[in-house]
C-alpha atoms as a PDB file:
ATOM      1  CA  GLY A   1       0.206   0.015  -0.132  1.00  0.00           C
ATOM      2  CA  PHE A   2       0.788   3.409  -0.336  1.00  0.00           C
ATOM      3  CA  GLY A   3      -0.049   4.676   3.799  1.00  0.00           C
ATOM      4  CA  PHE A   4       3.015   6.027   4.244  1.00  0.00           C
ATOM      5  CA  PHE A   5       2.294   8.531   2.116  1.00  0.00           C
ATOM      6  CA  ARG A   6       0.455   9.717   5.470  1.00  0.00           C
ATOM      7  CA  GLU A   7       2.990   9.490   7.559  1.00  0.00           C
ATOM      8  CA  ARG A   8       4.975  12.373   8.690  1.00  0.00           C
ATOM      9  CA  ILE A   9       8.211  10.425   9.317  1.00  0.00           C
ATOM     10  CA  PHE A  10       8.050   9.368   5.826  1.00  0.00           C
ATOM     11  CA  TRP A  11       8.086  13.204   4.964  1.00  0.00           C
ATOM     12  CA  GLN A  12      10.260  14.234   7.219  1.00  0.00           C
ATOM     13  CA  THR A  13      12.975  11.915   6.621  1.00  0.00           C
ATOM     14  CA  THR A  14      12.743  12.526   3.217  1.00  0.00           C
ATOM     15  CA  ALA A  15      12.982  16.118   3.417  1.00  0.00           C
ATOM     16  CA  ILE A  16      16.280  15.283   5.392  1.00  0.00           C
ATOM     17  CA  GLY A  17      17.537  12.806   2.476  1.00  0.00           C
ATOM     18  CA  PHE A  18      16.871  15.221   0.193  1.00  0.00           C
ATOM     19  CA  PHE A  19      18.776  18.577   1.833  1.00  0.00           C
ATOM     20  CA  TYR A  20      21.422  16.090   2.883  1.00  0.00           C
ATOM     21  CA  GLN A  21      22.135  14.766  -0.854  1.00  0.00           C
ATOM     22  CA  ALA A  22      22.180  18.473  -2.317  1.00  0.00           C
ATOM     23  CA  VAL A  23      24.908  19.637   0.299  1.00  0.00           C
ATOM     24  CA  GLU A  24      26.725  16.232  -0.172  1.00  0.00           C
ATOM     25  CA  ALA A  25      26.473  16.172  -3.808  1.00  0.00           C
ATOM     26  CA  SER A  26      28.028  19.617  -4.310  1.00  0.00           C
ATOM     27  CA  MET A  27      30.404  19.255  -1.886  1.00  0.00           C
ATOM     28  CA  MET A  28      32.087  16.829  -3.619  1.00  0.00           C
ATOM     29  CA  GLY A  29      31.837  18.137  -7.185  1.00  0.00           C
ATOM     30  CA  TRP A  30      32.599  21.608  -6.301  1.00  0.00           C
ATOM     31  CA  LEU A  31      35.081  21.405  -2.898  1.00  0.00           C
ATOM     32  CA  THR A  32      38.300  21.331  -4.767  1.00  0.00           C
ATOM     33  CA  THR A  33      37.151  24.192  -7.398  1.00  0.00           C
ATOM     34  CA  PHE A  34      35.814  25.885  -4.519  1.00  0.00           C
ATOM     35  CA  TYR A  35      38.783  26.624  -2.936  1.00  0.00           C
ATOM     36  CA  ILE A  36      40.983  27.314  -6.102  1.00  0.00           C
ATOM     37  CA  ASP A  37      38.593  29.967  -7.895  1.00  0.00           C
ATOM     38  CA  SER A  38      37.661  31.695  -4.011  1.00  0.00           C
ATOM     39  CA  GLY A  39      41.471  32.519  -4.127  1.00  0.00           C
ATOM     40  CA  ALA A  40      41.526  30.713  -0.934  1.00  0.00           C
ATOM     41  CA  LEU A  41      43.866  27.825  -1.684  1.00  0.00           C
ATOM     42  CA  ASP A  42      46.024  26.821  -4.804  1.00  0.00           C
ATOM     43  CA  ALA A  43      45.269  23.768  -6.578  1.00  0.00           C
ATOM     44  CA  SER A  44      47.571  21.385  -5.163  1.00  0.00           C
ATOM     45  CA  ALA A  45      46.482  22.244  -1.338  1.00  0.00           C
ATOM     46  CA  ALA A  46      42.893  22.703  -2.677  1.00  0.00           C
ATOM     47  CA  GLN A  47      43.346  19.226  -3.361  1.00  0.00           C
ATOM     48  CA  ILE A  48      44.878  18.090  -0.188  1.00  0.00           C
ATOM     49  CA  VAL A  49      42.444  19.969   1.976  1.00  0.00           C
ATOM     50  CA  THR A  50      39.874  18.175  -0.391  1.00  0.00           C
ATOM     51  CA  SER A  51      41.169  14.980   0.928  1.00  0.00           C
ATOM     52  CA  LEU A  52      40.530  16.218   4.112  1.00  0.00           C
ATOM     53  CA  LEU A  53      36.636  15.988   3.913  1.00  0.00           C
ATOM     54  CA  TRP A  54      37.095  12.046   2.808  1.00  0.00           C
ATOM     55  CA  VAL A  55      39.241  11.282   5.416  1.00  0.00           C
ATOM     56  CA  ALA A  56      36.811  12.692   8.106  1.00  0.00           C
ATOM     57  CA  LEU A  57      33.854  10.841   6.454  1.00  0.00           C
ATOM     58  CA  LEU A  58      35.455   7.625   7.039  1.00  0.00           C
ATOM     59  CA  VAL A  59      36.050   9.132  10.591  1.00  0.00           C
ATOM     60  CA  GLY A  60      32.576   9.757  10.797  1.00  0.00           C
ATOM     61  CA  ARG A  61      31.163   6.850   9.449  1.00  0.00           C
ATOM     62  CA  PHE A  62      33.077   4.454  12.352  1.00  0.00           C
ATOM     63  CA  SER A  63      32.209   7.054  14.683  1.00  0.00           C
ATOM     64  CA  CYS A  64      28.187   7.059  13.914  1.00  0.00           C
ATOM     65  CA  SER A  65      28.181   3.095  13.886  1.00  0.00           C
ATOM     66  CA  LEU A  66      29.288   3.683  17.249  1.00  0.00           C
ATOM     67  CA  ILE A  67      27.157   6.574  18.706  1.00  0.00           C
ATOM     68  CA  ALA A  68      24.412   5.053  17.121  1.00  0.00           C
ATOM     69  CA  ALA A  69      24.303   2.167  19.879  1.00  0.00           C
ATOM     70  CA  HIS A  70      23.936   5.046  22.904  1.00  0.00           C
ATOM     71  CA  TRP A  71      21.078   8.042  21.036  1.00  0.00           C
ATOM     72  CA  LYS A  72      18.935   7.401  18.923  1.00  0.00           C
ATOM     73  CA  PRO A  73      18.108   8.267  15.050  1.00  0.00           C
ATOM     74  CA  TRP A  74      16.646  11.214  15.428  1.00  0.00           C
ATOM     75  CA  GLN A  75      19.185  12.704  18.089  1.00  0.00           C
ATOM     76  CA  MET A  76      22.201  11.712  15.747  1.00  0.00           C
ATOM     77  CA  MET A  77      20.173  13.836  12.914  1.00  0.00           C
ATOM     78  CA  LEU A  78      19.574  16.604  14.766  1.00  0.00           C
ATOM     79  CA  VAL A  79      23.223  17.220  15.926  1.00  0.00           C
ATOM     80  CA  MET A  80      24.979  15.976  12.158  1.00  0.00           C
ATOM     81  CA  CYS A  81      22.367  18.766  10.822  1.00  0.00           C
ATOM     82  CA  THR A  82      23.090  21.811  13.311  1.00  0.00           C
ATOM     83  CA  GLY A  83      27.617  20.649  12.066  1.00  0.00           C
ATOM     84  CA  ILE A  84      26.324  20.666   8.624  1.00  0.00           C
ATOM     85  CA  ALA A  85      24.779  24.350   8.385  1.00  0.00           C
ATOM     86  CA  ALA A  86      27.194  25.489  10.744  1.00  0.00           C
ATOM     87  CA  PHE A  87      30.379  24.102   9.208  1.00  0.00           C
ATOM     88  CA  LEU A  88      28.806  25.059   5.857  1.00  0.00           C
ATOM     89  CA  ALA A  89      28.884  28.797   7.014  1.00  0.00           C
ATOM     90  CA  LEU A  90      31.980  28.657   8.122  1.00  0.00           C
ATOM     91  CA  LEU A  91      33.199  27.202   5.257  1.00  0.00           C
ATOM     92  CA  VAL A  92      31.532  30.275   2.799  1.00  0.00           C
ATOM     93  CA  CYS A  93      32.941  32.608   4.675  1.00  0.00           C
ATOM     94  CA  ALA A  94      36.176  31.814   5.813  1.00  0.00           C
ATOM     95  CA  THR A  95      39.129  32.730   4.136  1.00  0.00           C
ATOM     96  CA  ALA A  96      42.151  31.185   6.366  1.00  0.00           C
ATOM     97  CA  LEU A  97      43.624  28.183   6.089  1.00  0.00           C
ATOM     98  CA  PRO A  98      42.978  26.917   9.597  1.00  0.00           C
ATOM     99  CA  LEU A  99      39.410  28.019   9.847  1.00  0.00           C
ATOM    100  CA  LEU A 100      39.122  25.972   5.884  1.00  0.00           C
ATOM    101  CA  LEU A 101      40.323  23.000   7.737  1.00  0.00           C
ATOM    102  CA  ILE A 102      38.120  22.873  10.533  1.00  0.00           C
ATOM    103  CA  ALA A 103      35.518  23.575   8.413  1.00  0.00           C
ATOM    104  CA  THR A 104      36.104  21.086   6.203  1.00  0.00           C
ATOM    105  CA  ALA A 105      36.774  18.065   8.920  1.00  0.00           C
ATOM    106  CA  GLY A 106      33.350  19.568  11.287  1.00  0.00           C
ATOM    107  CA  LEU A 107      31.861  19.100   7.651  1.00  0.00           C
ATOM    108  CA  GLY A 108      33.013  15.806   6.992  1.00  0.00           C
ATOM    109  CA  LEU A 109      32.395  14.204  10.147  1.00  0.00           C
ATOM    110  CA  CYS A 110      28.817  15.472  10.245  1.00  0.00           C
ATOM    111  CA  MET A 111      28.063  14.584   7.018  1.00  0.00           C
ATOM    112  CA  SER A 112      29.463  10.848   7.074  1.00  0.00           C
ATOM    113  CA  GLY A 113      26.514   9.677   8.487  1.00  0.00           C
ATOM    114  CA  MET A 114      23.795  11.144   7.375  1.00  0.00           C
ATOM    115  CA  TYR A 115      21.770   9.095   4.948  1.00  0.00           C
ATOM    116  CA  GLY A 116      22.423   5.636   7.104  1.00  0.00           C
ATOM    117  CA  THR A 117      20.740   7.033   9.840  1.00  0.00           C
ATOM    118  CA  SER A 118      18.178   8.534   8.262  1.00  0.00           C
ATOM    119  CA  VAL A 119      16.584   5.392   6.802  1.00  0.00           C
ATOM    120  CA  SER A 120      17.092   3.844  10.282  1.00  0.00           C
ATOM    121  CA  ASN A 121      15.038   6.985  11.266  1.00  0.00           C
ATOM    122  CA  ALA A 122      12.315   5.486   8.893  1.00  0.00           C
ATOM    123  CA  GLY A 123      13.521   2.235   9.606  1.00  0.00           C
ATOM    124  CA  ASP A 124       9.967   1.302  10.704  1.00  0.00           C
ATOM    125  CA  ILE A 125       8.006   2.879   7.745  1.00  0.00           C
ATOM    126  CA  PHE A 126      10.596   1.174   5.254  1.00  0.00           C
ATOM    127  CA  SER A 127       9.654  -2.402   6.733  1.00  0.00           C
ATOM    128  CA  ARG A 128       6.132  -1.649   6.598  1.00  0.00           C
ATOM    129  CA  TYR A 129       5.795  -0.424   3.096  1.00  0.00           C
ATOM    130  CA  PRO A 130       8.165  -2.215   0.467  1.00  0.00           C
ATOM    131  CA  ILE A 131       7.499   0.340  -2.013  1.00  0.00           C
ATOM    132  CA  CYS A 132       8.491   2.999   0.546  1.00  0.00           C
ATOM    133  CA  MET A 133      12.023   3.065  -0.127  1.00  0.00           C
ATOM    134  CA  GLY A 134      12.502   3.569  -3.781  1.00  0.00           C
ATOM    135  CA  LEU A 135      10.461   6.027  -3.620  1.00  0.00           C
ATOM    136  CA  PHE A 136      12.653   7.306  -1.052  1.00  0.00           C
ATOM    137  CA  VAL A 137      15.898   6.659  -2.783  1.00  0.00           C
ATOM    138  CA  SER A 138      14.116   8.660  -6.075  1.00  0.00           C
ATOM    139  CA  ILE A 139      12.952  11.451  -4.544  1.00  0.00           C
ATOM    140  CA  THR A 140      16.296  12.149  -2.281  1.00  0.00           C
ATOM    141  CA  GLY A 141      18.271  11.425  -5.430  1.00  0.00           C
ATOM    142  CA  VAL A 142      16.536  14.655  -6.937  1.00  0.00           C
ATOM    143  CA  GLY A 143      18.314  16.649  -4.604  1.00  0.00           C
ATOM    144  CA  GLY A 144      21.874  15.446  -5.844  1.00  0.00           C
ATOM    145  CA  ALA A 145      21.121  16.196  -8.756  1.00  0.00           C
ATOM    146  CA  VAL A 146      19.579  19.245  -8.721  1.00  0.00           C
ATOM    147  CA  ALA A 147      21.966  20.867  -6.325  1.00  0.00           C
ATOM    148  CA  PRO A 148      25.415  20.785  -8.068  1.00  0.00           C
ATOM    149  CA  THR A 149      24.047  22.230 -11.058  1.00  0.00           C
ATOM    150  CA  VAL A 150      22.266  25.614  -9.188  1.00  0.00           C
ATOM    151  CA  VAL A 151      25.653  25.747  -7.433  1.00  0.00           C
ATOM    152  CA  GLY A 152      26.970  25.523 -10.952  1.00  0.00           C
ATOM    153  CA  LEU A 153      25.048  28.424 -12.424  1.00  0.00           C
ATOM    154  CA  ALA A 154      24.882  30.554  -9.512  1.00  0.00           C
ATOM    155  CA  ALA A 155      28.856  30.227  -9.979  1.00  0.00           C
ATOM    156  CA  ASP A 156      29.577  31.088 -13.507  1.00  0.00           C
ATOM    157  CA  HIS A 157      27.121  34.135 -12.890  1.00  0.00           C
ATOM    158  CA  VAL A 158      28.393  35.567  -9.634  1.00  0.00           C
ATOM    159  CA  GLY A 159      30.704  33.386  -8.247  1.00  0.00           C
ATOM    160  CA  ILE A 160      32.009  30.357  -6.219  1.00  0.00           C
ATOM    161  CA  ARG A 161      31.553  31.988  -3.188  1.00  0.00           C
ATOM    162  CA  PHE A 162      28.028  32.994  -4.334  1.00  0.00           C
ATOM    163  CA  GLY A 163      27.313  29.666  -5.512  1.00  0.00           C
ATOM    164  CA  PHE A 164      28.258  27.878  -2.520  1.00  0.00           C
ATOM    165  CA  ALA A 165      26.192  30.499  -0.280  1.00  0.00           C
ATOM    166  CA  MET A 166      23.300  29.123  -2.235  1.00  0.00           C
ATOM    167  CA  LEU A 167      23.794  25.336  -0.247  1.00  0.00           C
ATOM    168  CA  LEU A 168      23.103  27.265   3.018  1.00  0.00           C
ATOM    169  CA  ILE A 169      19.741  27.459   1.494  1.00  0.00           C
ATOM    170  CA  ALA A 170      19.769  23.140   1.691  1.00  0.00           C
ATOM    171  CA  ALA A 171      21.194  23.947   5.017  1.00  0.00           C
ATOM    172  CA  ILE A 172      18.859  25.793   6.413  1.00  0.00           C
ATOM    173  CA  CYS A 173      16.157  23.649   5.463  1.00  0.00           C
ATOM    174  CA  LEU A 174      17.985  20.100   6.109  1.00  0.00           C
ATOM    175  CA  LEU A 175      18.149  21.739  10.071  1.00  0.00           C
ATOM    176  CA  ALA A 176      14.782  22.418   9.658  1.00  0.00           C
ATOM    177  CA  ALA A 177      13.467  19.347   8.720  1.00  0.00           C
ATOM    178  CA  ALA A 178      15.790  17.728  11.317  1.00  0.00           C
ATOM    179  CA  ILE A 179      13.962  20.057  13.976  1.00  0.00           C
ATOM    180  CA  LEU A 180      10.636  18.793  12.902  1.00  0.00           C
ATOM    181  CA  ASN A 181      11.412  15.307  13.166  1.00  0.00           C
ATOM    182  CA  ALA A 182      12.841  15.362  16.219  1.00  0.00           C
ATOM    183  CA  HIS A 183       9.768  17.127  17.669  1.00  0.00           C
ATOM    184  CA  THR A 184       7.595  14.324  15.827  1.00  0.00           C
ATOM    185  CA  PHE A 185       9.342  11.841  17.802  1.00  0.00           C
ATOM    186  CA  ARG A 186       9.260  14.037  21.027  1.00  0.00           C
ATOM    187  CA  SER A 187       5.820  14.218  20.711  1.00  0.00           C
ATOM    188  CA  LYS A 188       5.425  10.680  20.461  1.00  0.00           C
END
């Protein structure tokens, strides 16, 4: 059936996945270009700092698996979404290397467990409605497909820093969806 359309948790989790995919795909596609075109780093330093994102993602995924034993998915997502918004804002505003390193590592740590945790957040719904997972993956994938294009178009017209600043809209929506999700779980 399609009863999951009436589930607030499904829509909140889908919104979280959509905006998370938007941020992640844009970071993976544009981060090195952002460092170089914004004048923050030269090409070789930009590639090294971008590698820091991958290291932080690996460390974060391991950490999330340990934290998941003690925290509920909605709690983890609320913390991770807050971190994504804060570290992305720092990345967009920073010009000094130490701040760029902190922002990059922080983003990697906060992004690392988002997708798996969001799936676990709605795990009960996914198990009750088999078609639900396919729809979730399709809808969230649109965020990952559209956002890098929006960043690129904005970067072409106004500059890469403004293009990346467009991701702050996605990060704010991501945080708002996580807050709504937390409120729904708290009120249960």
